[in-house]
């Protein structure tokens, strides 16, 4: 983990425009995606997410505030954001199924 890394308590999985899912575990991964791979760099929520993630990396903004801003930006861009990893979602949908690492 990088020194400037700010992990999310709960990862965020996003369904990209191409249909693939990608999981984000931290403010650093998220800001890299927002600044380098985001489909359209516009929109109020997009700009808020960039600013909040930068703030989280500077330890000025709580990580969860930046995470929520990222989820809002995903929704604004039409990319559904799902909280948690695929394994955690599978566990939630089938609580009797044991998942081992």
N, C-alpha and C. Protein backbone atom coordinates (compact mmCIF):
# COMPACT_ATOMS: atom_id res chain seq x y z
N UNK A 1 0.85 -1.18 0.00
CA UNK A 1 0.00 0.00 0.00
C UNK A 1 0.89 1.24 0.00
N UNK A 2 0.53 2.23 -0.78
CA UNK A 2 1.28 3.47 -0.86
C UNK A 2 1.14 4.27 0.43
N UNK A 3 2.13 5.10 0.72
CA UNK A 3 2.08 5.94 1.91
C UNK A 3 0.86 6.85 1.86
N UNK A 4 0.53 7.37 0.68
CA UNK A 4 -0.60 8.30 0.55
C UNK A 4 -1.93 7.58 0.38
N UNK A 5 -1.92 6.25 0.50
CA UNK A 5 -3.14 5.48 0.29
C UNK A 5 -4.16 5.74 1.39
N UNK A 6 -5.41 5.88 0.99
CA UNK A 6 -6.52 6.06 1.92
C UNK A 6 -7.56 5.02 1.53
N UNK A 7 -7.58 3.87 2.23
CA UNK A 7 -8.50 2.79 1.83
C UNK A 7 -9.94 3.09 2.19
N UNK A 8 -10.85 2.54 1.37
CA UNK A 8 -12.28 2.60 1.70
C UNK A 8 -12.55 1.52 2.73
N UNK A 9 -13.45 1.78 3.66
CA UNK A 9 -13.88 0.76 4.61
C UNK A 9 -14.58 -0.38 3.87
N UNK A 10 -15.41 0.00 2.88
CA UNK A 10 -16.11 -0.97 2.04
C UNK A 10 -15.78 -0.62 0.59
N UNK A 11 -15.20 -1.56 -0.17
CA UNK A 11 -14.88 -1.28 -1.57
C UNK A 11 -16.14 -0.93 -2.37
N UNK A 12 -15.91 -0.27 -3.50
CA UNK A 12 -17.01 0.09 -4.40
C UNK A 12 -16.76 -0.59 -5.74
N UNK A 13 -17.74 -1.35 -6.20
CA UNK A 13 -17.66 -1.99 -7.51
C UNK A 13 -18.55 -1.22 -8.47
N UNK A 14 -17.99 -0.87 -9.61
CA UNK A 14 -18.70 -0.06 -10.61
C UNK A 14 -18.86 -0.88 -11.88
N UNK A 15 -20.05 -0.84 -12.45
CA UNK A 15 -20.28 -1.46 -13.76
C UNK A 15 -19.96 -0.40 -14.81
N UNK A 16 -18.87 -0.61 -15.53
CA UNK A 16 -18.41 0.34 -16.53
C UNK A 16 -19.32 0.33 -17.76
N UNK A 17 -19.17 1.35 -18.60
CA UNK A 17 -20.00 1.46 -19.80
C UNK A 17 -19.89 0.24 -20.70
N UNK A 18 -18.72 -0.41 -20.71
CA UNK A 18 -18.50 -1.58 -21.57
C UNK A 18 -19.12 -2.84 -20.98
N UNK A 19 -19.67 -2.75 -19.75
CA UNK A 19 -20.31 -3.89 -19.13
C UNK A 19 -19.46 -4.61 -18.10
N UNK A 20 -18.16 -4.35 -18.10
CA UNK A 20 -17.28 -4.97 -17.12
C UNK A 20 -17.46 -4.31 -15.76
N UNK A 21 -17.12 -5.05 -14.71
CA UNK A 21 -17.16 -4.48 -13.37
C UNK A 21 -15.74 -4.26 -12.88
N UNK A 22 -15.55 -3.16 -12.17
CA UNK A 22 -14.24 -2.83 -11.61
C UNK A 22 -14.43 -2.41 -10.16
N UNK A 23 -13.55 -2.90 -9.29
CA UNK A 23 -13.65 -2.61 -7.87
C UNK A 23 -12.58 -1.60 -7.46
N UNK A 24 -13.01 -0.62 -6.68
CA UNK A 24 -12.13 0.43 -6.16
C UNK A 24 -12.04 0.28 -4.65
N UNK A 25 -10.81 0.21 -4.16
CA UNK A 25 -10.57 -0.02 -2.74
C UNK A 25 -10.06 1.19 -1.99
N UNK A 26 -9.79 2.28 -2.71
CA UNK A 26 -9.16 3.42 -2.04
C UNK A 26 -9.36 4.72 -2.81
N UNK A 27 -9.06 5.82 -2.11
CA UNK A 27 -9.13 7.14 -2.74
C UNK A 27 -8.10 7.26 -3.85
N UNK A 28 -6.93 6.66 -3.68
CA UNK A 28 -5.89 6.75 -4.71
C UNK A 28 -6.32 6.05 -5.99
N UNK A 29 -6.85 4.83 -5.88
CA UNK A 29 -7.34 4.12 -7.07
C UNK A 29 -8.45 4.90 -7.75
N UNK A 30 -9.30 5.50 -6.93
CA UNK A 30 -10.45 6.23 -7.45
C UNK A 30 -10.04 7.50 -8.18
N UNK A 31 -9.13 8.29 -7.59
CA UNK A 31 -8.70 9.53 -8.24
C UNK A 31 -7.96 9.23 -9.54
N UNK A 32 -7.20 8.13 -9.55
CA UNK A 32 -6.51 7.73 -10.78
C UNK A 32 -7.53 7.43 -11.88
N UNK A 33 -8.60 6.72 -11.53
CA UNK A 33 -9.65 6.40 -12.49
C UNK A 33 -10.38 7.67 -12.94
N UNK A 34 -10.73 8.52 -11.99
CA UNK A 34 -11.45 9.76 -12.32
C UNK A 34 -10.63 10.66 -13.25
N UNK A 35 -9.35 10.76 -13.00
CA UNK A 35 -8.51 11.68 -13.78
C UNK A 35 -8.00 11.08 -15.09
N UNK A 36 -7.94 9.75 -15.20
CA UNK A 36 -7.33 9.16 -16.38
C UNK A 36 -8.24 8.28 -17.23
N UNK A 37 -9.33 7.78 -16.65
CA UNK A 37 -10.17 6.84 -17.40
C UNK A 37 -11.65 7.21 -17.42
N UNK A 38 -12.03 8.24 -16.72
CA UNK A 38 -13.44 8.63 -16.65
C UNK A 38 -13.95 8.96 -18.04
N UNK A 39 -15.14 8.47 -18.42
CA UNK A 39 -15.63 8.67 -19.79
C UNK A 39 -15.83 10.13 -20.19
N UNK A 40 -16.39 10.95 -19.32
CA UNK A 40 -16.61 12.37 -19.64
C UNK A 40 -16.27 13.19 -18.40
N UNK A 41 -15.25 13.99 -18.50
CA UNK A 41 -14.79 14.75 -17.34
C UNK A 41 -15.59 16.04 -17.17
N UNK A 42 -16.87 15.85 -16.86
CA UNK A 42 -17.73 16.99 -16.62
C UNK A 42 -18.85 16.56 -15.68
N UNK A 43 -19.56 17.52 -15.18
CA UNK A 43 -20.65 17.23 -14.27
C UNK A 43 -20.31 17.66 -12.85
N UNK A 44 -21.32 18.15 -12.17
CA UNK A 44 -21.13 18.64 -10.81
C UNK A 44 -20.61 17.53 -9.88
N UNK A 45 -21.20 16.35 -9.97
CA UNK A 45 -20.79 15.26 -9.08
C UNK A 45 -19.41 14.73 -9.43
N UNK A 46 -19.06 14.74 -10.71
CA UNK A 46 -17.70 14.34 -11.11
C UNK A 46 -16.68 15.26 -10.45
N UNK A 47 -16.87 16.56 -10.58
CA UNK A 47 -15.92 17.52 -10.02
C UNK A 47 -15.88 17.42 -8.49
N UNK A 48 -17.03 17.20 -7.88
CA UNK A 48 -17.06 17.04 -6.43
C UNK A 48 -16.28 15.79 -6.02
N UNK A 49 -16.43 14.70 -6.75
CA UNK A 49 -15.70 13.47 -6.43
C UNK A 49 -14.20 13.66 -6.55
N UNK A 50 -13.75 14.34 -7.59
CA UNK A 50 -12.32 14.62 -7.76
C UNK A 50 -11.82 15.42 -6.56
N UNK A 51 -12.53 16.48 -6.21
CA UNK A 51 -12.10 17.33 -5.09
C UNK A 51 -12.12 16.58 -3.77
N UNK A 52 -13.14 15.76 -3.54
CA UNK A 52 -13.23 15.02 -2.28
C UNK A 52 -12.14 13.95 -2.20
N UNK A 53 -11.84 13.29 -3.29
CA UNK A 53 -10.76 12.28 -3.27
C UNK A 53 -9.40 12.94 -3.05
N UNK A 54 -9.18 14.06 -3.68
CA UNK A 54 -7.93 14.79 -3.41
C UNK A 54 -7.85 15.20 -1.95
N UNK A 55 -8.97 15.65 -1.40
CA UNK A 55 -9.02 16.02 0.01
C UNK A 55 -8.75 14.83 0.92
N UNK A 56 -9.27 13.67 0.56
CA UNK A 56 -9.03 12.46 1.35
C UNK A 56 -7.56 12.08 1.33
N UNK A 57 -6.93 12.20 0.16
CA UNK A 57 -5.50 11.88 0.06
C UNK A 57 -4.66 12.86 0.87
N UNK A 58 -5.15 14.07 1.05
CA UNK A 58 -4.45 15.07 1.86
C UNK A 58 -4.85 14.98 3.33
N UNK A 59 -5.72 14.04 3.64
CA UNK A 59 -6.22 13.84 5.02
C UNK A 59 -7.05 15.01 5.53
N UNK A 60 -7.68 15.75 4.60
CA UNK A 60 -8.53 16.89 4.95
C UNK A 60 -10.00 16.48 4.94
N UNK A 61 -10.33 15.51 4.09
CA UNK A 61 -11.70 15.03 3.92
C UNK A 61 -11.75 13.58 4.39
N UNK A 62 -12.76 13.20 5.18
CA UNK A 62 -12.89 11.80 5.58
C UNK A 62 -13.02 10.89 4.36
N UNK A 63 -12.41 9.73 4.43
CA UNK A 63 -12.43 8.78 3.31
C UNK A 63 -13.85 8.44 2.89
N UNK A 64 -14.75 8.27 3.85
CA UNK A 64 -16.12 7.88 3.50
C UNK A 64 -16.88 8.98 2.77
N UNK A 65 -16.53 10.24 3.03
CA UNK A 65 -17.15 11.36 2.29
C UNK A 65 -16.70 11.30 0.83
N UNK A 66 -15.42 11.04 0.61
CA UNK A 66 -14.91 10.93 -0.76
C UNK A 66 -15.51 9.73 -1.47
N UNK A 67 -15.66 8.63 -0.74
CA UNK A 67 -16.25 7.42 -1.31
C UNK A 67 -17.68 7.68 -1.77
N UNK A 68 -18.47 8.33 -0.94
CA UNK A 68 -19.86 8.65 -1.28
C UNK A 68 -19.92 9.61 -2.48
N UNK A 69 -18.99 10.54 -2.55
CA UNK A 69 -18.94 11.46 -3.70
C UNK A 69 -18.65 10.69 -4.98
N UNK A 70 -17.77 9.68 -4.91
CA UNK A 70 -17.46 8.86 -6.07
C UNK A 70 -18.70 8.07 -6.52
N UNK A 71 -19.42 7.51 -5.56
CA UNK A 71 -20.64 6.77 -5.90
C UNK A 71 -21.64 7.69 -6.60
N UNK A 72 -21.80 8.91 -6.10
CA UNK A 72 -22.71 9.89 -6.72
C UNK A 72 -22.27 10.22 -8.14
N UNK A 73 -20.96 10.36 -8.35
CA UNK A 73 -20.45 10.66 -9.70
C UNK A 73 -20.72 9.50 -10.64
N UNK A 74 -20.58 8.29 -10.14
CA UNK A 74 -20.88 7.11 -10.97
C UNK A 74 -22.34 7.11 -11.41
N UNK A 75 -23.21 7.41 -10.49
CA UNK A 75 -24.64 7.46 -10.82
C UNK A 75 -24.93 8.55 -11.83
N UNK A 76 -24.29 9.71 -11.65
CA UNK A 76 -24.47 10.83 -12.58
C UNK A 76 -24.04 10.43 -13.99
N UNK A 77 -22.97 9.61 -14.08
CA UNK A 77 -22.44 9.19 -15.37
C UNK A 77 -23.15 7.96 -15.94
N UNK A 78 -24.14 7.44 -15.22
CA UNK A 78 -24.87 6.28 -15.72
C UNK A 78 -24.15 4.97 -15.52
N UNK A 79 -23.21 4.94 -14.58
CA UNK A 79 -22.48 3.71 -14.27
C UNK A 79 -22.89 3.25 -12.87
N UNK A 80 -23.68 2.20 -12.76
CA UNK A 80 -24.12 1.75 -11.45
C UNK A 80 -22.95 1.40 -10.54
N UNK A 81 -23.00 1.89 -9.33
CA UNK A 81 -21.97 1.59 -8.33
C UNK A 81 -22.58 0.68 -7.28
N UNK A 82 -21.89 -0.38 -6.98
CA UNK A 82 -22.35 -1.35 -6.00
C UNK A 82 -21.35 -1.40 -4.86
N UNK A 83 -21.82 -1.27 -3.64
CA UNK A 83 -20.91 -1.32 -2.50
C UNK A 83 -20.44 -2.74 -2.29
N UNK A 84 -19.18 -2.90 -1.97
CA UNK A 84 -18.63 -4.20 -1.62
C UNK A 84 -18.02 -4.93 -2.79
N UNK A 85 -17.30 -5.98 -2.46
CA UNK A 85 -16.65 -6.81 -3.47
C UNK A 85 -17.64 -7.84 -3.99
N UNK A 86 -17.28 -8.52 -5.04
CA UNK A 86 -18.14 -9.56 -5.58
C UNK A 86 -18.36 -10.66 -4.55
N UNK A 87 -17.32 -11.03 -3.80
CA UNK A 87 -17.44 -12.07 -2.78
C UNK A 87 -18.39 -11.63 -1.67
N UNK A 88 -18.28 -10.37 -1.26
CA UNK A 88 -19.16 -9.86 -0.20
C UNK A 88 -20.61 -9.82 -0.68
N UNK A 89 -20.83 -9.46 -1.94
CA UNK A 89 -22.19 -9.44 -2.47
C UNK A 89 -22.75 -10.85 -2.57
N UNK A 90 -21.91 -11.81 -2.96
CA UNK A 90 -22.35 -13.21 -3.04
C UNK A 90 -22.71 -13.72 -1.65
N UNK A 91 -21.91 -13.35 -0.67
CA UNK A 91 -22.17 -13.76 0.71
C UNK A 91 -23.50 -13.18 1.19
N UNK A 92 -23.77 -11.91 0.87
CA UNK A 92 -25.00 -11.26 1.29
C UNK A 92 -26.22 -11.89 0.63
N UNK A 93 -26.09 -12.30 -0.63
CA UNK A 93 -27.23 -12.88 -1.33
C UNK A 93 -27.45 -14.32 -0.94
N UNK A 94 -26.42 -15.00 -0.46
CA UNK A 94 -26.51 -16.40 -0.01
C UNK A 94 -25.84 -16.54 1.35
N UNK A 95 -26.48 -16.09 2.41
CA UNK A 95 -25.83 -16.07 3.73
C UNK A 95 -25.43 -17.44 4.23
N UNK A 96 -26.00 -18.52 3.74
CA UNK A 96 -25.63 -19.86 4.20
C UNK A 96 -24.43 -20.42 3.45
N UNK A 97 -23.95 -19.71 2.44
CA UNK A 97 -22.83 -20.15 1.64
C UNK A 97 -21.55 -19.62 2.27
N UNK A 98 -20.64 -20.48 2.62
CA UNK A 98 -19.37 -20.06 3.22
C UNK A 98 -18.38 -19.75 2.11
N UNK A 99 -17.74 -18.62 2.20
CA UNK A 99 -16.72 -18.22 1.23
C UNK A 99 -15.39 -18.21 1.95
N UNK A 100 -14.43 -18.97 1.45
CA UNK A 100 -13.12 -18.99 2.09
C UNK A 100 -12.11 -18.32 1.18
N UNK A 101 -11.09 -17.76 1.80
CA UNK A 101 -10.07 -17.03 1.03
C UNK A 101 -8.98 -17.95 0.57
